[in-house]
Amino acid sequence: MTIASIVHLLLHVVVPALVAAIFFRDRWLRAFLLMLATMIVDADHLLATPIYNPGRCSIGFHPLHTLPAIVLYAVLVLPKSTRLIGIGLSIHMALDLVDCGVMRW
């Protein structure tokens, strides 16, 4: 595992923690845990062969990382009842997209 991979994984924890601390202060722990739970979206990596490929861009490759899924995640931000899940999934996709850019750079 490369340093870039480790940083990428850490960002999947740190960014939701910062968003929870800044925007959901009164319920930061609940917000953080819900956003962190959205990392289960990476279960779709288990469908790939090989499961882990450090040079593969997740966006557009894995079923839960496709444009229709990403649009759904953005829509989940709108209702208050699904907002934290939508934010967590959107953060995840944004970080994965940045990772794809870093890999190509």
C-alpha atoms as a PDB file:
ATOM      1  CA  MET A   1       0.000   0.000   0.000  1.00  0.00           C
ATOM      2  CA  THR A   2       1.404   3.366  -1.011  1.00  0.00           C
ATOM      3  CA  ILE A   3       1.521   6.574   1.026  1.00  0.00           C
ATOM      4  CA  ALA A   4      -1.047   8.063  -1.365  1.00  0.00           C
ATOM      5  CA  SER A   5      -3.404   5.141  -0.647  1.00  0.00           C
ATOM      6  CA  ILE A   6      -3.003   5.602   3.082  1.00  0.00           C
ATOM      7  CA  VAL A   7      -3.660   9.351   2.814  1.00  0.00           C
ATOM      8  CA  HIS A   8      -6.718   8.641   0.672  1.00  0.00           C
ATOM      9  CA  LEU A   9      -8.111   6.229   3.274  1.00  0.00           C
ATOM     10  CA  LEU A  10      -7.390   8.658   6.111  1.00  0.00           C
ATOM     11  CA  LEU A  11      -9.241  11.416   4.267  1.00  0.00           C
ATOM     12  CA  HIS A  12     -12.323   9.181   4.196  1.00  0.00           C
ATOM     13  CA  VAL A  13     -12.322   9.482   8.005  1.00  0.00           C
ATOM     14  CA  VAL A  14     -10.909  12.986   8.522  1.00  0.00           C
ATOM     15  CA  VAL A  15     -13.153  14.869   6.073  1.00  0.00           C
ATOM     16  CA  PRO A  16     -16.448  13.523   7.510  1.00  0.00           C
ATOM     17  CA  ALA A  17     -15.095  14.244  11.009  1.00  0.00           C
ATOM     18  CA  LEU A  18     -14.369  17.859  10.046  1.00  0.00           C
ATOM     19  CA  VAL A  19     -17.751  18.290   8.349  1.00  0.00           C
ATOM     20  CA  ALA A  20     -19.487  16.879  11.430  1.00  0.00           C
ATOM     21  CA  ALA A  21     -17.489  19.082  13.805  1.00  0.00           C
ATOM     22  CA  ILE A  22     -18.039  22.261  11.783  1.00  0.00           C
ATOM     23  CA  PHE A  23     -21.608  21.916  10.506  1.00  0.00           C
ATOM     24  CA  PHE A  24     -23.258  19.577  13.010  1.00  0.00           C
ATOM     25  CA  ARG A  25     -21.697  20.679  16.303  1.00  0.00           C
ATOM     26  CA  ASP A  26     -24.705  19.889  18.440  1.00  0.00           C
ATOM     27  CA  ARG A  27     -24.771  16.293  17.165  1.00  0.00           C
ATOM     28  CA  TRP A  28     -21.272  15.874  15.784  1.00  0.00           C
ATOM     29  CA  LEU A  29     -20.739  12.293  16.978  1.00  0.00           C
ATOM     30  CA  ARG A  30     -23.975  11.017  15.441  1.00  0.00           C
ATOM     31  CA  ALA A  31     -23.285  12.944  12.239  1.00  0.00           C
ATOM     32  CA  PHE A  32     -19.735  11.633  12.054  1.00  0.00           C
ATOM     33  CA  LEU A  33     -20.753   8.010  12.670  1.00  0.00           C
ATOM     34  CA  LEU A  34     -23.523   8.147  10.059  1.00  0.00           C
ATOM     35  CA  MET A  35     -21.187   9.652   7.464  1.00  0.00           C
ATOM     36  CA  LEU A  36     -18.507   7.131   8.370  1.00  0.00           C
ATOM     37  CA  ALA A  37     -21.033   4.300   7.966  1.00  0.00           C
ATOM     38  CA  THR A  38     -21.520   5.322   4.336  1.00  0.00           C
ATOM     39  CA  MET A  39     -18.064   3.910   3.619  1.00  0.00           C
ATOM     40  CA  ILE A  40     -19.902   0.597   3.234  1.00  0.00           C
ATOM     41  CA  VAL A  41     -20.464   1.813  -0.333  1.00  0.00           C
ATOM     42  CA  ASP A  42     -17.009   0.381  -1.021  1.00  0.00           C
ATOM     43  CA  ALA A  43     -18.494  -3.110  -0.714  1.00  0.00           C
ATOM     44  CA  ASP A  44     -18.926  -2.941  -4.482  1.00  0.00           C
ATOM     45  CA  HIS A  45     -15.156  -3.299  -4.748  1.00  0.00           C
ATOM     46  CA  LEU A  46     -15.675  -6.948  -3.810  1.00  0.00           C
ATOM     47  CA  LEU A  47     -17.273  -7.492  -7.231  1.00  0.00           C
ATOM     48  CA  ALA A  48     -14.081  -6.507  -9.065  1.00  0.00           C
ATOM     49  CA  THR A  49     -11.186  -8.712 -10.097  1.00  0.00           C
ATOM     50  CA  PRO A  50      -8.764  -8.038  -8.563  1.00  0.00           C
ATOM     51  CA  ILE A  51     -10.616  -6.617  -5.567  1.00  0.00           C
ATOM     52  CA  TYR A  52      -7.894  -4.008  -4.997  1.00  0.00           C
ATOM     53  CA  ASN A  53      -6.023  -2.384  -7.834  1.00  0.00           C
ATOM     54  CA  PRO A  54      -4.092   0.734  -6.795  1.00  0.00           C
ATOM     55  CA  GLY A  55      -4.098   2.080 -10.353  1.00  0.00           C
ATOM     56  CA  ARG A  56      -7.843   1.740 -10.941  1.00  0.00           C
ATOM     57  CA  CYS A  57     -10.209   4.701 -10.707  1.00  0.00           C
ATOM     58  CA  SER A  58     -13.283   3.726  -8.693  1.00  0.00           C
ATOM     59  CA  ILE A  59     -15.476   6.382 -10.299  1.00  0.00           C
ATOM     60  CA  GLY A  60     -17.284   4.868 -13.229  1.00  0.00           C
ATOM     61  CA  PHE A  61     -15.862   1.400 -12.608  1.00  0.00           C
ATOM     62  CA  HIS A  62     -17.651   0.036  -9.546  1.00  0.00           C
ATOM     63  CA  PRO A  63     -21.490  -0.093  -9.660  1.00  0.00           C
ATOM     64  CA  LEU A  64     -22.017   2.132  -6.615  1.00  0.00           C
ATOM     65  CA  HIS A  65     -19.475   4.635  -7.981  1.00  0.00           C
ATOM     66  CA  THR A  66     -21.257   5.346 -11.278  1.00  0.00           C
ATOM     67  CA  LEU A  67     -22.921   8.599 -12.356  1.00  0.00           C
ATOM     68  CA  PRO A  68     -26.513   7.425 -11.686  1.00  0.00           C
ATOM     69  CA  ALA A  69     -25.538   6.379  -8.164  1.00  0.00           C
ATOM     70  CA  ILE A  70     -23.682   9.659  -7.573  1.00  0.00           C
ATOM     71  CA  VAL A  71     -26.738  11.646  -8.705  1.00  0.00           C
ATOM     72  CA  LEU A  72     -28.835   9.658  -6.219  1.00  0.00           C
ATOM     73  CA  TYR A  73     -26.341  10.460  -3.437  1.00  0.00           C
ATOM     74  CA  ALA A  74     -26.614  14.166  -4.258  1.00  0.00           C
ATOM     75  CA  VAL A  75     -30.415  13.942  -4.131  1.00  0.00           C
ATOM     76  CA  LEU A  76     -30.179  12.270  -0.697  1.00  0.00           C
ATOM     77  CA  VAL A  77     -28.641  15.516   0.617  1.00  0.00           C
ATOM     78  CA  LEU A  78     -31.921  17.386   0.061  1.00  0.00           C
ATOM     79  CA  PRO A  79     -34.344  15.750   2.553  1.00  0.00           C
ATOM     80  CA  LYS A  80     -33.381  16.336   6.157  1.00  0.00           C
ATOM     81  CA  SER A  81     -34.017  12.673   6.996  1.00  0.00           C
ATOM     82  CA  THR A  82     -31.329  11.426   4.564  1.00  0.00           C
ATOM     83  CA  ARG A  83     -29.037  14.470   4.545  1.00  0.00           C
ATOM     84  CA  LEU A  84     -26.160  12.975   6.558  1.00  0.00           C
ATOM     85  CA  ILE A  85     -26.139   9.814   4.470  1.00  0.00           C
ATOM     86  CA  GLY A  86     -26.168  11.893   1.290  1.00  0.00           C
ATOM     87  CA  ILE A  87     -23.360  14.099   2.560  1.00  0.00           C
ATOM     88  CA  GLY A  88     -21.278  11.084   3.580  1.00  0.00           C
ATOM     89  CA  LEU A  89     -21.747   9.404   0.203  1.00  0.00           C
ATOM     90  CA  SER A  90     -21.066  12.646  -1.673  1.00  0.00           C
ATOM     91  CA  ILE A  91     -17.866  13.237   0.321  1.00  0.00           C
ATOM     92  CA  HIS A  92     -16.802   9.681  -0.455  1.00  0.00           C
ATOM     93  CA  MET A  93     -17.371  10.114  -4.191  1.00  0.00           C
ATOM     94  CA  ALA A  94     -15.618  13.500  -4.212  1.00  0.00           C
ATOM     95  CA  LEU A  95     -12.567  12.012  -2.487  1.00  0.00           C
ATOM     96  CA  ASP A  96     -12.535   9.095  -4.912  1.00  0.00           C
ATOM     97  CA  LEU A  97     -12.753  11.525  -7.835  1.00  0.00           C
ATOM     98  CA  VAL A  98      -9.803  13.497  -6.455  1.00  0.00           C
ATOM     99  CA  ASP A  99      -7.908  10.230  -6.090  1.00  0.00           C
ATOM    100  CA  CYS A 100      -8.587   9.447  -9.760  1.00  0.00           C
ATOM    101  CA  GLY A 101      -7.155  12.833 -10.709  1.00  0.00           C
ATOM    102  CA  VAL A 102      -4.083  12.308  -8.544  1.00  0.00           C
ATOM    103  CA  MET A 103      -3.482   8.904 -10.173  1.00  0.00           C
ATOM    104  CA  ARG A 104      -3.579  10.469 -13.637  1.00  0.00           C
ATOM    105  CA  TRP A 105      -1.349  13.397 -12.688  1.00  0.00           C
END
